Structures are given as structure tokens and as C-alpha cells.
Amino acid sequence: MSGSIAEPYAQALMSLARSRDLADRFGEDFRALEQLLQDSPEFRAFITNPVIEDGDKKAVLRRIMGDGTDAQLVNFLMLLVDKRRIVFLEQVIAQYLTLLREMNETVLAEVTSARPLNEQQRRSVEQRVQAISSARGVELKTQIDPDIIGGVIIKIGSQVLDASLRGQLRRIGMSLNA
């Protein structure tokens, strides 16, 4: 249900952003806001709590977005608060970023590694994903999972490339059992 609520809002914002040539700028602001929502469970709980006054939510959002954020994007966030749709903010952001990737012919690759990737490793993964997907650009979303021991797991849509040490050990174990 949240997708059916979030999608029209994201499409409306994308239409506005494209008409003002601000789609990429809104995307950058949304990525920062998405990161804050992921990093701060307190902020997420505050924004989605129906008991907290709308005015308080608006004040916090205005302060977080800062003066550098386009007024139209801030107004959009205020509209979400007014319409009691701010609880769907994460879904709206995700849908908007999906529309932005489609517009820019960019693919999202979710990369899991045992430790943070350095710049050379990030470029290598981006090149590999670009070769596989034939997309113009690649957006990496990384996460750390020490349980994979080493290597990476790359997910592009429904396609998963498991080049992790854990995956290789599992495949060896399966072939030995066969």
C-alpha cells in the first residue's frame, strides 16, 4: 500500500524537478536525507510519530534541509507533513531516486563487502556493473558484512553476483557433497 501512496508523490516531484532542471539536485538532497533516516533511528521515529505536532516536524525538517535546499523541495516536504504522508517519506525518496536513475539511465548496484571498499575497488566494481548492465552510469549502495569473509556480493535488480569467499566455500562444499 505504501508504494501506491508514495509513487504519485514521487512522480509529481519529479515532474516539478524536471520542469525546473533540478532533478539531480533534488536527488542529492534526497540521498542525504535518506542517509540521515538510515543513520538516525531517533530522527525516523520523530518524523513518523503521529503524536508529534506537525509544526515541530516542519521546524526540524526545515533546519535539517538548511538554507541551501531549493524552496520547492522544502515545500514538498511540508506538504507531506500537512497531508499526513510524512510516514511514507522513505518510500517517496526511494521511488524518486528510482525515477531519477531511469531518467539518467543509471543502474543501482547493491554491494556487500567484508570491509569498506577503497576508491580503486569502487571504480572496479562500477566498471564491472556497467559492463554487465550496459547502463550509462552506476550508483553504488554499499554495506559491510564481515560474515562474507572476503570478496564482494553485487546485486543488480534481481541478478546477484556472489564473488565472496563465503560463497566460494559454500560452492566447494556443495560440490564435495555431490
C-alpha atoms as a PDB file:
ATOM      1  CA  MET A   1       0.000   0.000   0.000  1.00  0.00           C
ATOM      2  CA  SER A   2       2.834   2.414   0.799  1.00  0.00           C
ATOM      3  CA  GLY A   3       4.089   2.111  -2.783  1.00  0.00           C
ATOM      4  CA  SER A   4       0.745   3.198  -4.177  1.00  0.00           C
ATOM      5  CA  ILE A   5       0.833   6.234  -1.880  1.00  0.00           C
ATOM      6  CA  ALA A   6       4.493   7.097  -2.440  1.00  0.00           C
ATOM      7  CA  GLU A   7       4.544   6.751  -6.224  1.00  0.00           C
ATOM      8  CA  PRO A   8       2.224   9.655  -7.135  1.00  0.00           C
ATOM      9  CA  TYR A   9       4.097  11.989  -4.788  1.00  0.00           C
ATOM     10  CA  ALA A  10       7.457  10.965  -6.238  1.00  0.00           C
ATOM     11  CA  GLN A  11       6.175  11.357  -9.803  1.00  0.00           C
ATOM     12  CA  ALA A  12       4.736  14.789  -9.053  1.00  0.00           C
ATOM     13  CA  LEU A  13       8.021  15.921  -7.517  1.00  0.00           C
ATOM     14  CA  MET A  14       9.967  14.509 -10.470  1.00  0.00           C
ATOM     15  CA  SER A  15       7.706  16.398 -12.884  1.00  0.00           C
ATOM     16  CA  LEU A  16       8.323  19.621 -10.985  1.00  0.00           C
ATOM     17  CA  ALA A  17      12.068  18.954 -10.745  1.00  0.00           C
ATOM     18  CA  ARG A  18      12.398  18.227 -14.468  1.00  0.00           C
ATOM     19  CA  SER A  19      10.466  21.357 -15.419  1.00  0.00           C
ATOM     20  CA  ARG A  20      12.905  23.430 -13.357  1.00  0.00           C
ATOM     21  CA  ASP A  21      16.000  21.357 -14.287  1.00  0.00           C
ATOM     22  CA  LEU A  22      16.506  20.369 -10.636  1.00  0.00           C
ATOM     23  CA  ALA A  23      16.062  16.587 -10.807  1.00  0.00           C
ATOM     24  CA  ASP A  24      19.687  15.792  -9.974  1.00  0.00           C
ATOM     25  CA  ARG A  25      19.864  18.425  -7.225  1.00  0.00           C
ATOM     26  CA  PHE A  26      16.712  17.048  -5.580  1.00  0.00           C
ATOM     27  CA  GLY A  27      18.268  13.583  -5.890  1.00  0.00           C
ATOM     28  CA  GLU A  28      21.375  14.718  -4.000  1.00  0.00           C
ATOM     29  CA  ASP A  29      19.257  16.273  -1.253  1.00  0.00           C
ATOM     30  CA  PHE A  30      17.104  13.149  -1.041  1.00  0.00           C
ATOM     31  CA  ARG A  31      20.169  10.888  -0.832  1.00  0.00           C
ATOM     32  CA  ALA A  32      21.442  12.932   2.125  1.00  0.00           C
ATOM     33  CA  LEU A  33      18.019  12.780   3.788  1.00  0.00           C
ATOM     34  CA  GLU A  34      17.789   9.036   3.118  1.00  0.00           C
ATOM     35  CA  GLN A  35      21.204   8.539   4.730  1.00  0.00           C
ATOM     36  CA  LEU A  36      20.085  10.534   7.777  1.00  0.00           C
ATOM     37  CA  LEU A  37      16.942   8.406   8.095  1.00  0.00           C
ATOM     38  CA  GLN A  38      19.078   5.243   7.963  1.00  0.00           C
ATOM     39  CA  ASP A  39      21.727   6.533  10.363  1.00  0.00           C
ATOM     40  CA  SER A  40      19.363   8.046  12.917  1.00  0.00           C
ATOM     41  CA  PRO A  41      16.523   5.850  14.196  1.00  0.00           C
ATOM     42  CA  GLU A  42      15.624   8.716  16.525  1.00  0.00           C
ATOM     43  CA  PHE A  43      15.036  11.076  13.590  1.00  0.00           C
ATOM     44  CA  ARG A  44      12.991   8.431  11.743  1.00  0.00           C
ATOM     45  CA  ALA A  45      10.886   7.810  14.870  1.00  0.00           C
ATOM     46  CA  PHE A  46      10.371  11.552  15.360  1.00  0.00           C
ATOM     47  CA  ILE A  47       9.262  12.168  11.774  1.00  0.00           C
ATOM     48  CA  THR A  48       6.900   9.181  11.634  1.00  0.00           C
ATOM     49  CA  ASN A  49       5.395   9.601  15.110  1.00  0.00           C
ATOM     50  CA  PRO A  50       1.735  10.647  14.683  1.00  0.00           C
ATOM     51  CA  VAL A  51       1.619  12.160  18.196  1.00  0.00           C
ATOM     52  CA  ILE A  52       4.281  14.791  17.479  1.00  0.00           C
ATOM     53  CA  GLU A  53       2.887  18.126  16.317  1.00  0.00           C
ATOM     54  CA  ASP A  54       3.149  18.919  12.604  1.00  0.00           C
ATOM     55  CA  GLY A  55       4.737  22.281  13.410  1.00  0.00           C
ATOM     56  CA  ASP A  56       7.566  20.555  15.285  1.00  0.00           C
ATOM     57  CA  LYS A  57       8.168  18.178  12.385  1.00  0.00           C
ATOM     58  CA  LYS A  58       8.221  21.077   9.931  1.00  0.00           C
ATOM     59  CA  ALA A  59      10.693  23.024  12.060  1.00  0.00           C
ATOM     60  CA  VAL A  60      13.054  20.067  12.301  1.00  0.00           C
ATOM     61  CA  LEU A  61      12.809  19.342   8.571  1.00  0.00           C
ATOM     62  CA  ARG A  62      13.489  22.989   7.700  1.00  0.00           C
ATOM     63  CA  ARG A  63      16.528  23.035   9.974  1.00  0.00           C
ATOM     64  CA  ILE A  64      17.873  19.729   8.617  1.00  0.00           C
ATOM     65  CA  MET A  65      17.372  20.668   4.979  1.00  0.00           C
ATOM     66  CA  GLY A  66      19.083  24.015   5.550  1.00  0.00           C
ATOM     67  CA  ASP A  67      19.115  27.189   3.507  1.00  0.00           C
ATOM     68  CA  GLY A  68      20.881  25.536   0.558  1.00  0.00           C
ATOM     69  CA  THR A  69      17.889  23.339  -0.254  1.00  0.00           C
ATOM     70  CA  ASP A  70      15.562  24.511  -3.009  1.00  0.00           C
ATOM     71  CA  ALA A  71      12.371  26.050  -1.603  1.00  0.00           C
ATOM     72  CA  GLN A  72      10.213  23.783  -3.786  1.00  0.00           C
ATOM     73  CA  LEU A  73      11.702  20.654  -2.187  1.00  0.00           C
ATOM     74  CA  VAL A  74      11.193  22.076   1.304  1.00  0.00           C
ATOM     75  CA  ASN A  75       7.599  22.960   0.360  1.00  0.00           C
ATOM     76  CA  PHE A  76       7.124  19.396  -0.870  1.00  0.00           C
ATOM     77  CA  LEU A  77       8.278  18.039   2.497  1.00  0.00           C
ATOM     78  CA  MET A  78       5.919  20.442   4.271  1.00  0.00           C
ATOM     79  CA  LEU A  79       3.079  19.165   2.058  1.00  0.00           C
ATOM     80  CA  LEU A  80       3.891  15.599   3.121  1.00  0.00           C
ATOM     81  CA  VAL A  81       3.603  16.702   6.752  1.00  0.00           C
ATOM     82  CA  ASP A  82       0.322  18.574   6.127  1.00  0.00           C
ATOM     83  CA  LYS A  83      -1.222  15.623   4.273  1.00  0.00           C
ATOM     84  CA  ARG A  84      -0.026  13.197   6.972  1.00  0.00           C
ATOM     85  CA  ARG A  85       2.081  11.377   4.365  1.00  0.00           C
ATOM     86  CA  ILE A  86       5.434  12.065   6.034  1.00  0.00           C
ATOM     87  CA  VAL A  87       5.325   8.494   7.378  1.00  0.00           C
ATOM     88  CA  PHE A  88       5.934   7.441   3.761  1.00  0.00           C
ATOM     89  CA  LEU A  89       8.977   9.698   3.344  1.00  0.00           C
ATOM     90  CA  GLU A  90      11.441   6.835   2.909  1.00  0.00           C
ATOM     91  CA  GLN A  91       9.251   5.234   0.239  1.00  0.00           C
ATOM     92  CA  VAL A  92       8.800   8.567  -1.555  1.00  0.00           C
ATOM     93  CA  ILE A  93      12.571   9.094  -1.529  1.00  0.00           C
ATOM     94  CA  ALA A  94      13.203   5.567  -2.829  1.00  0.00           C
ATOM     95  CA  GLN A  95      10.623   5.990  -5.597  1.00  0.00           C
ATOM     96  CA  TYR A  96      12.006   9.405  -6.594  1.00  0.00           C
ATOM     97  CA  LEU A  97      15.562   8.027  -6.752  1.00  0.00           C
ATOM     98  CA  THR A  98      14.310   5.126  -8.893  1.00  0.00           C
ATOM     99  CA  LEU A  99      12.708   7.610 -11.305  1.00  0.00           C
ATOM    100  CA  LEU A 100      15.916   9.653 -11.329  1.00  0.00           C
ATOM    101  CA  ARG A 101      18.019   6.581 -12.162  1.00  0.00           C
ATOM    102  CA  GLU A 102      15.636   5.704 -15.011  1.00  0.00           C
ATOM    103  CA  MET A 103      15.859   9.249 -16.345  1.00  0.00           C
ATOM    104  CA  ASN A 104      19.665   9.225 -16.206  1.00  0.00           C
ATOM    105  CA  GLU A 105      19.970   5.622 -17.471  1.00  0.00           C
ATOM    106  CA  THR A 106      21.761   4.674 -14.280  1.00  0.00           C
ATOM    107  CA  VAL A 107      21.612   1.311 -12.553  1.00  0.00           C
ATOM    108  CA  LEU A 108      21.672   0.747  -8.792  1.00  0.00           C
ATOM    109  CA  ALA A 109      24.157  -1.866  -7.612  1.00  0.00           C
ATOM    110  CA  GLU A 110      23.947  -3.001  -4.003  1.00  0.00           C
ATOM    111  CA  VAL A 111      27.432  -4.102  -2.983  1.00  0.00           C
ATOM    112  CA  THR A 112      28.177  -6.086   0.155  1.00  0.00           C
ATOM    113  CA  SER A 113      31.802  -6.434   1.217  1.00  0.00           C
ATOM    114  CA  ALA A 114      33.652  -7.683   4.289  1.00  0.00           C
ATOM    115  CA  ARG A 115      35.238  -4.257   4.809  1.00  0.00           C
ATOM    116  CA  PRO A 116      34.864  -0.808   3.225  1.00  0.00           C
ATOM    117  CA  LEU A 117      35.892  -0.551  -0.426  1.00  0.00           C
ATOM    118  CA  ASN A 118      38.693   1.818  -1.340  1.00  0.00           C
ATOM    119  CA  GLU A 119      38.351   4.145  -4.334  1.00  0.00           C
ATOM    120  CA  GLN A 120      40.094   1.753  -6.753  1.00  0.00           C
ATOM    121  CA  GLN A 121      37.836  -1.123  -5.700  1.00  0.00           C
ATOM    122  CA  ARG A 122      34.746   1.072  -6.086  1.00  0.00           C
ATOM    123  CA  ARG A 123      35.795   2.038  -9.630  1.00  0.00           C
ATOM    124  CA  SER A 124      36.466  -1.610 -10.458  1.00  0.00           C
ATOM    125  CA  VAL A 125      33.009  -2.650  -9.235  1.00  0.00           C
ATOM    126  CA  GLU A 126      31.393   0.246 -11.133  1.00  0.00           C
ATOM    127  CA  GLN A 127      33.157  -0.772 -14.362  1.00  0.00           C
ATOM    128  CA  ARG A 128      32.110  -4.396 -13.914  1.00  0.00           C
ATOM    129  CA  VAL A 129      28.493  -3.439 -13.249  1.00  0.00           C
ATOM    130  CA  GLN A 130      28.461  -1.062 -16.203  1.00  0.00           C
ATOM    131  CA  ALA A 131      29.773  -3.826 -18.481  1.00  0.00           C
ATOM    132  CA  ILE A 132      27.132  -6.266 -17.245  1.00  0.00           C
ATOM    133  CA  SER A 133      24.189  -3.870 -17.347  1.00  0.00           C
ATOM    134  CA  SER A 134      25.070  -1.671 -20.351  1.00  0.00           C
ATOM    135  CA  ALA A 135      23.874   1.328 -18.329  1.00  0.00           C
ATOM    136  CA  ARG A 136      25.297   4.815 -18.833  1.00  0.00           C
ATOM    137  CA  GLY A 137      26.006   5.196 -15.148  1.00  0.00           C
ATOM    138  CA  VAL A 138      26.265   3.168 -11.960  1.00  0.00           C
ATOM    139  CA  GLU A 139      25.141   4.124  -8.472  1.00  0.00           C
ATOM    140  CA  LEU A 140      26.702   2.034  -5.715  1.00  0.00           C
ATOM    141  CA  LYS A 141      24.963   1.376  -2.430  1.00  0.00           C
ATOM    142  CA  THR A 142      27.472  -0.323  -0.158  1.00  0.00           C
ATOM    143  CA  GLN A 143      27.122  -2.219   3.066  1.00  0.00           C
ATOM    144  CA  ILE A 144      29.585  -4.072   5.253  1.00  0.00           C
ATOM    145  CA  ASP A 145      29.086  -7.709   6.296  1.00  0.00           C
ATOM    146  CA  PRO A 146      32.151  -9.318   7.902  1.00  0.00           C
ATOM    147  CA  ASP A 147      30.454 -12.733   7.630  1.00  0.00           C
ATOM    148  CA  ILE A 148      31.228 -12.928   3.896  1.00  0.00           C
ATOM    149  CA  ILE A 149      34.919 -13.187   4.937  1.00  0.00           C
ATOM    150  CA  GLY A 150      36.259 -11.528   1.764  1.00  0.00           C
ATOM    151  CA  GLY A 151      35.318 -10.518  -1.764  1.00  0.00           C
ATOM    152  CA  VAL A 152      32.006  -8.900  -2.689  1.00  0.00           C
ATOM    153  CA  ILE A 153      28.385  -9.705  -3.390  1.00  0.00           C
ATOM    154  CA  ILE A 154      26.849  -7.464  -6.058  1.00  0.00           C
ATOM    155  CA  LYS A 155      23.089  -7.239  -6.533  1.00  0.00           C
ATOM    156  CA  ILE A 156      21.749  -5.501  -9.652  1.00  0.00           C
ATOM    157  CA  GLY A 157      17.977  -5.693  -9.650  1.00  0.00           C
ATOM    158  CA  SER A 158      17.199  -9.394  -9.303  1.00  0.00           C
ATOM    159  CA  GLN A 159      20.636 -10.507 -10.529  1.00  0.00           C
ATOM    160  CA  VAL A 160      23.155 -11.474  -7.827  1.00  0.00           C
ATOM    161  CA  LEU A 161      26.874 -11.954  -8.433  1.00  0.00           C
ATOM    162  CA  ASP A 162      28.437 -13.715  -5.449  1.00  0.00           C
ATOM    163  CA  ALA A 163      32.220 -13.292  -5.551  1.00  0.00           C
ATOM    164  CA  SER A 164      32.558 -13.631  -1.786  1.00  0.00           C
ATOM    165  CA  LEU A 165      34.834 -16.064  -0.031  1.00  0.00           C
ATOM    166  CA  ARG A 166      31.851 -17.402   1.913  1.00  0.00           C
ATOM    167  CA  GLY A 167      30.033 -18.081  -1.376  1.00  0.00           C
ATOM    168  CA  GLN A 168      33.062 -19.811  -2.876  1.00  0.00           C
ATOM    169  CA  LEU A 169      33.434 -22.013   0.216  1.00  0.00           C
ATOM    170  CA  ARG A 170      29.731 -22.881   0.068  1.00  0.00           C
ATOM    171  CA  ARG A 171      30.012 -23.855  -3.608  1.00  0.00           C
ATOM    172  CA  ILE A 172      33.104 -26.004  -2.894  1.00  0.00           C
ATOM    173  CA  GLY A 173      31.250 -27.702  -0.041  1.00  0.00           C
ATOM    174  CA  MET A 174      28.266 -28.411  -2.277  1.00  0.00           C
ATOM    175  CA  SER A 175      30.479 -29.909  -4.996  1.00  0.00           C
ATOM    176  CA  LEU A 176      32.236 -32.126  -2.446  1.00  0.00           C
ATOM    177  CA  ASN A 177      28.878 -33.386  -1.184  1.00  0.00           C
ATOM    178  CA  ALA A 178      27.662 -34.143  -4.697  1.00  0.00           C
END
